[in-house]
């Protein structure tokens, strides 16, 4: 079972996906959308690496 921090990062990553979608479709703030997309993608890479390196 993954540790609680892993679940928190997953929840933040999911939230950032929704925020990125909202920013792309309902606002004109391009920098905000790019920032949330890059942050969410980075967190997903961290989760994938952490999952591959773990022995749960």
PDB file of N, CA and C in Angstrom:
ATOM      1  N   UNK A   1       0.844  -1.179   0.000  1.00  0.00           N
ATOM      2  CA  UNK A   1       0.000   0.000   0.000  1.00  0.00           C
ATOM      3  C   UNK A   1       0.889   1.242   0.000  1.00  0.00           C
ATOM      4  N   UNK A   2       0.632   2.164  -0.908  1.00  0.00           N
ATOM      5  CA  UNK A   2       1.442   3.390  -0.968  1.00  0.00           C
ATOM      6  C   UNK A   2       1.288   4.230   0.301  1.00  0.00           C
ATOM      7  N   UNK A   3       2.335   4.989   0.622  1.00  0.00           N
ATOM      8  CA  UNK A   3       2.265   5.854   1.808  1.00  0.00           C
ATOM      9  C   UNK A   3       1.308   7.031   1.578  1.00  0.00           C
ATOM     10  N   UNK A   4       0.888   7.677   2.660  1.00  0.00           N
ATOM     11  CA  UNK A   4      -0.066   8.792   2.540  1.00  0.00           C
ATOM     12  C   UNK A   4       0.431   9.934   1.652  1.00  0.00           C
ATOM     13  N   UNK A   5       1.728  10.210   1.654  1.00  0.00           N
ATOM     14  CA  UNK A   5       2.252  11.284   0.810  1.00  0.00           C
ATOM     15  C   UNK A   5       2.050  10.964  -0.671  1.00  0.00           C
ATOM     16  N   UNK A   6       2.161   9.701  -1.045  1.00  0.00           N
ATOM     17  CA  UNK A   6       1.936   9.287  -2.427  1.00  0.00           C
ATOM     18  C   UNK A   6       0.496   9.602  -2.839  1.00  0.00           C
ATOM     19  N   UNK A   7      -0.446   9.304  -1.956  1.00  0.00           N
ATOM     20  CA  UNK A   7      -1.861   9.587  -2.241  1.00  0.00           C
ATOM     21  C   UNK A   7      -2.121  11.084  -2.338  1.00  0.00           C
ATOM     22  N   UNK A   8      -1.453  11.856  -1.502  1.00  0.00           N
ATOM     23  CA  UNK A   8      -1.607  13.316  -1.548  1.00  0.00           C
ATOM     24  C   UNK A   8      -1.085  13.869  -2.874  1.00  0.00           C
ATOM     25  N   UNK A   9       0.071  13.390  -3.312  1.00  0.00           N
ATOM     26  CA  UNK A   9       0.615  13.841  -4.592  1.00  0.00           C
ATOM     27  C   UNK A   9      -0.309  13.431  -5.735  1.00  0.00           C
ATOM     28  N   UNK A  10      -0.881  12.239  -5.660  1.00  0.00           N
ATOM     29  CA  UNK A  10      -1.829  11.799  -6.685  1.00  0.00           C
ATOM     30  C   UNK A  10      -3.057  12.706  -6.724  1.00  0.00           C
ATOM     31  N   UNK A  11      -3.567  13.074  -5.561  1.00  0.00           N
ATOM     32  CA  UNK A  11      -4.732  13.962  -5.503  1.00  0.00           C
ATOM     33  C   UNK A  11      -4.402  15.342  -6.068  1.00  0.00           C
ATOM     34  N   UNK A  12      -3.226  15.861  -5.739  1.00  0.00           N
ATOM     35  CA  UNK A  12      -2.816  17.168  -6.270  1.00  0.00           C
ATOM     36  C   UNK A  12      -2.653  17.090  -7.777  1.00  0.00           C
ATOM     37  N   UNK A  13      -2.076  16.008  -8.260  1.00  0.00           N
ATOM     38  CA  UNK A  13      -1.900  15.821  -9.698  1.00  0.00           C
ATOM     39  C   UNK A  13      -3.252  15.772 -10.406  1.00  0.00           C
ATOM     40  N   UNK A  14      -4.201  15.074  -9.836  1.00  0.00           N
ATOM     41  CA  UNK A  14      -5.543  15.009 -10.423  1.00  0.00           C
ATOM     42  C   UNK A  14      -6.209  16.377 -10.427  1.00  0.00           C
ATOM     43  N   UNK A  15      -6.074  17.088  -9.337  1.00  0.00           N
ATOM     44  CA  UNK A  15      -6.643  18.433  -9.256  1.00  0.00           C
ATOM     45  C   UNK A  15      -6.006  19.361 -10.289  1.00  0.00           C
ATOM     46  N   UNK A  16      -4.714  19.245 -10.464  1.00  0.00           N
ATOM     47  CA  UNK A  16      -4.032  20.082 -11.454  1.00  0.00           C
ATOM     48  C   UNK A  16      -4.486  19.744 -12.873  1.00  0.00           C
ATOM     49  N   UNK A  17      -4.836  18.498 -13.123  1.00  0.00           N
ATOM     50  CA  UNK A  17      -5.385  18.143 -14.430  1.00  0.00           C
ATOM     51  C   UNK A  17      -6.691  18.855 -14.700  1.00  0.00           C
ATOM     52  N   UNK A  18      -7.559  18.896 -13.706  1.00  0.00           N
ATOM     53  CA  UNK A  18      -8.832  19.604 -13.850  1.00  0.00           C
ATOM     54  C   UNK A  18      -8.606  21.103 -13.990  1.00  0.00           C
ATOM     55  N   UNK A  19      -7.704  21.657 -13.203  1.00  0.00           N
ATOM     56  CA  UNK A  19      -7.420  23.091 -13.260  1.00  0.00           C
ATOM     57  C   UNK A  19      -6.816  23.461 -14.616  1.00  0.00           C
ATOM     58  N   UNK A  20      -5.961  22.602 -15.156  1.00  0.00           N
ATOM     59  CA  UNK A  20      -5.388  22.853 -16.475  1.00  0.00           C
ATOM     60  C   UNK A  20      -6.467  22.846 -17.548  1.00  0.00           C
ATOM     61  N   UNK A  21      -7.355  21.888 -17.478  1.00  0.00           N
ATOM     62  CA  UNK A  21      -8.465  21.827 -18.431  1.00  0.00           C
ATOM     63  C   UNK A  21      -9.330  23.078 -18.324  1.00  0.00           C
ATOM     64  N   UNK A  22      -9.648  23.471 -17.097  1.00  0.00           N
ATOM     65  CA  UNK A  22     -10.459  24.674 -16.876  1.00  0.00           C
ATOM     66  C   UNK A  22      -9.736  25.907 -17.416  1.00  0.00           C
ATOM     67  N   UNK A  23      -8.440  26.011 -17.132  1.00  0.00           N
ATOM     68  CA  UNK A  23      -7.671  27.156 -17.602  1.00  0.00           C
ATOM     69  C   UNK A  23      -7.599  27.232 -19.112  1.00  0.00           C
ATOM     70  N   UNK A  24      -7.526  26.081 -19.746  1.00  0.00           N
ATOM     71  CA  UNK A  24      -7.450  26.075 -21.210  1.00  0.00           C
ATOM     72  C   UNK A  24      -8.788  26.446 -21.852  1.00  0.00           C
ATOM     73  N   UNK A  25      -9.871  25.996 -21.276  1.00  0.00           N
ATOM     74  CA  UNK A  25     -11.174  26.171 -21.903  1.00  0.00           C
ATOM     75  C   UNK A  25     -11.951  27.401 -21.445  1.00  0.00           C
ATOM     76  N   UNK A  26     -11.653  27.932 -20.275  1.00  0.00           N
ATOM     77  CA  UNK A  26     -12.498  28.995 -19.737  1.00  0.00           C
ATOM     78  C   UNK A  26     -11.770  30.275 -19.358  1.00  0.00           C
ATOM     79  N   UNK A  27     -10.462  30.322 -19.545  1.00  0.00           N
ATOM     80  CA  UNK A  27      -9.735  31.557 -19.255  1.00  0.00           C
ATOM     81  C   UNK A  27      -8.815  31.898 -20.418  1.00  0.00           C
ATOM     82  N   UNK A  28      -8.304  33.097 -20.385  1.00  0.00           N
ATOM     83  CA  UNK A  28      -7.334  33.530 -21.385  1.00  0.00           C
ATOM     84  C   UNK A  28      -5.921  33.596 -20.808  1.00  0.00           C
ATOM     85  N   UNK A  29      -5.748  33.114 -19.608  1.00  0.00           N
ATOM     86  CA  UNK A  29      -4.435  33.175 -18.952  1.00  0.00           C
ATOM     87  C   UNK A  29      -3.581  31.989 -19.392  1.00  0.00           C
ATOM     88  N   UNK A  30      -2.830  32.190 -20.437  1.00  0.00           N
ATOM     89  CA  UNK A  30      -2.019  31.120 -21.014  1.00  0.00           C
ATOM     90  C   UNK A  30      -0.896  30.676 -20.075  1.00  0.00           C
ATOM     91  N   UNK A  31      -0.263  31.626 -19.400  1.00  0.00           N
ATOM     92  CA  UNK A  31       0.841  31.291 -18.496  1.00  0.00           C
ATOM     93  C   UNK A  31       0.356  30.413 -17.342  1.00  0.00           C
ATOM     94  N   UNK A  32      -0.828  30.721 -16.831  1.00  0.00           N
ATOM     95  CA  UNK A  32      -1.414  29.912 -15.757  1.00  0.00           C
ATOM     96  C   UNK A  32      -1.645  28.473 -16.215  1.00  0.00           C
ATOM     97  N   UNK A  33      -2.181  28.325 -17.418  1.00  0.00           N
ATOM     98  CA  UNK A  33      -2.451  26.997 -17.959  1.00  0.00           C
ATOM     99  C   UNK A  33      -1.157  26.220 -18.162  1.00  0.00           C
ATOM    100  N   UNK A  34      -0.150  26.875 -18.702  1.00  0.00           N
ATOM    101  CA  UNK A  34       1.143  26.217 -18.919  1.00  0.00           C
ATOM    102  C   UNK A  34       1.761  25.816 -17.589  1.00  0.00           C
ATOM    103  N   UNK A  35       1.689  26.698 -16.603  1.00  0.00           N
ATOM    104  CA  UNK A  35       2.252  26.398 -15.278  1.00  0.00           C
ATOM    105  C   UNK A  35       1.582  25.177 -14.650  1.00  0.00           C
ATOM    106  N   UNK A  36       0.248  25.151 -14.665  1.00  0.00           N
ATOM    107  CA  UNK A  36      -0.446  24.017 -14.050  1.00  0.00           C
ATOM    108  C   UNK A  36      -0.200  22.723 -14.811  1.00  0.00           C
ATOM    109  N   UNK A  37      -0.089  22.800 -16.129  1.00  0.00           N
ATOM    110  CA  UNK A  37       0.181  21.603 -16.929  1.00  0.00           C
ATOM    111  C   UNK A  37       1.577  21.052 -16.639  1.00  0.00           C
ATOM    112  N   UNK A  38       2.562  21.926 -16.567  1.00  0.00           N
ATOM    113  CA  UNK A  38       3.934  21.479 -16.289  1.00  0.00           C
ATOM    114  C   UNK A  38       4.045  20.926 -14.875  1.00  0.00           C
ATOM    115  N   UNK A  39       3.417  21.595 -13.921  1.00  0.00           N
ATOM    116  CA  UNK A  39       3.457  21.113 -12.541  1.00  0.00           C
ATOM    117  C   UNK A  39       2.776  19.748 -12.409  1.00  0.00           C
ATOM    118  N   UNK A  40       1.618  19.593 -13.025  1.00  0.00           N
ATOM    119  CA  UNK A  40       0.920  18.309 -12.972  1.00  0.00           C
ATOM    120  C   UNK A  40       1.697  17.203 -13.650  1.00  0.00           C
ATOM    121  N   UNK A  41       2.305  17.501 -14.778  1.00  0.00           N
ATOM    122  CA  UNK A  41       3.114  16.500 -15.484  1.00  0.00           C
ATOM    123  C   UNK A  41       4.339  16.109 -14.665  1.00  0.00           C
ATOM    124  N   UNK A  42       4.955  17.081 -14.027  1.00  0.00           N
ATOM    125  CA  UNK A  42       6.116  16.791 -13.184  1.00  0.00           C
ATOM    126  C   UNK A  42       5.735  15.884 -12.017  1.00  0.00           C
ATOM    127  N   UNK A  43       4.597  16.176 -11.395  1.00  0.00           N
ATOM    128  CA  UNK A  43       4.157  15.337 -10.288  1.00  0.00           C
ATOM    129  C   UNK A  43       3.838  13.917 -10.762  1.00  0.00           C
ATOM    130  N   UNK A  44       3.300  13.781 -11.958  1.00  0.00           N
ATOM    131  CA  UNK A  44       3.007  12.455 -12.477  1.00  0.00           C
ATOM    132  C   UNK A  44       4.298  11.669 -12.722  1.00  0.00           C
ATOM    133  N   UNK A  45       5.325  12.329 -13.232  1.00  0.00           N
ATOM    134  CA  UNK A  45       6.617  11.665 -13.418  1.00  0.00           C
ATOM    135  C   UNK A  45       7.178  11.217 -12.072  1.00  0.00           C
ATOM    136  N   UNK A  46       7.053  12.071 -11.058  1.00  0.00           N
ATOM    137  CA  UNK A  46       7.511  11.705  -9.709  1.00  0.00           C
ATOM    138  C   UNK A  46       6.758  10.477  -9.207  1.00  0.00           C
ATOM    139  N   UNK A  47       5.452  10.443  -9.416  1.00  0.00           N
ATOM    140  CA  UNK A  47       4.662   9.287  -8.972  1.00  0.00           C
ATOM    141  C   UNK A  47       5.062   8.013  -9.699  1.00  0.00           C
ATOM    142  N   UNK A  48       5.302   8.097 -10.985  1.00  0.00           N
ATOM    143  CA  UNK A  48       5.696   6.908 -11.756  1.00  0.00           C
ATOM    144  C   UNK A  48       7.050   6.392 -11.269  1.00  0.00           C
ATOM    145  N   UNK A  49       8.020   7.288 -11.106  1.00  0.00           N
ATOM    146  CA  UNK A  49       9.348   6.865 -10.641  1.00  0.00           C
ATOM    147  C   UNK A  49       9.263   6.286  -9.235  1.00  0.00           C
ATOM    148  N   UNK A  50       8.523   6.942  -8.352  1.00  0.00           N
ATOM    149  CA  UNK A  50       8.374   6.475  -6.980  1.00  0.00           C
ATOM    150  C   UNK A  50       7.716   5.095  -6.955  1.00  0.00           C
ATOM    151  N   UNK A  51       6.717   4.894  -7.796  1.00  0.00           N
ATOM    152  CA  UNK A  51       6.024   3.599  -7.837  1.00  0.00           C
ATOM    153  C   UNK A  51       6.947   2.505  -8.356  1.00  0.00           C
ATOM    154  N   UNK A  52       7.711   2.789  -9.405  1.00  0.00           N
ATOM    155  CA  UNK A  52       8.636   1.794  -9.947  1.00  0.00           C
ATOM    156  C   UNK A  52       9.734   1.432  -8.955  1.00  0.00           C
ATOM    157  N   UNK A  53      10.165   2.396  -8.157  1.00  0.00           N
ATOM    158  CA  UNK A  53      11.269   2.144  -7.226  1.00  0.00           C
ATOM    159  C   UNK A  53      10.815   1.560  -5.889  1.00  0.00           C
ATOM    160  N   UNK A  54       9.524   1.483  -5.671  1.00  0.00           N
ATOM    161  CA  UNK A  54       9.035   1.027  -4.361  1.00  0.00           C
ATOM    162  C   UNK A  54       8.868  -0.498  -4.362  1.00  0.00           C
ATOM    163  N   UNK A  55       8.698  -1.020  -3.168  1.00  0.00           N
ATOM    164  CA  UNK A  55       8.456  -2.459  -3.001  1.00  0.00           C
ATOM    165  C   UNK A  55       7.264  -2.681  -2.059  1.00  0.00           C
ATOM    166  N   UNK A  56       6.147  -2.067  -2.407  1.00  0.00           N
ATOM    167  CA  UNK A  56       4.968  -2.158  -1.550  1.00  0.00           C
ATOM    168  C   UNK A  56       4.406  -3.532  -1.616  1.00  0.00           C
TER     169      UNK A  56
END
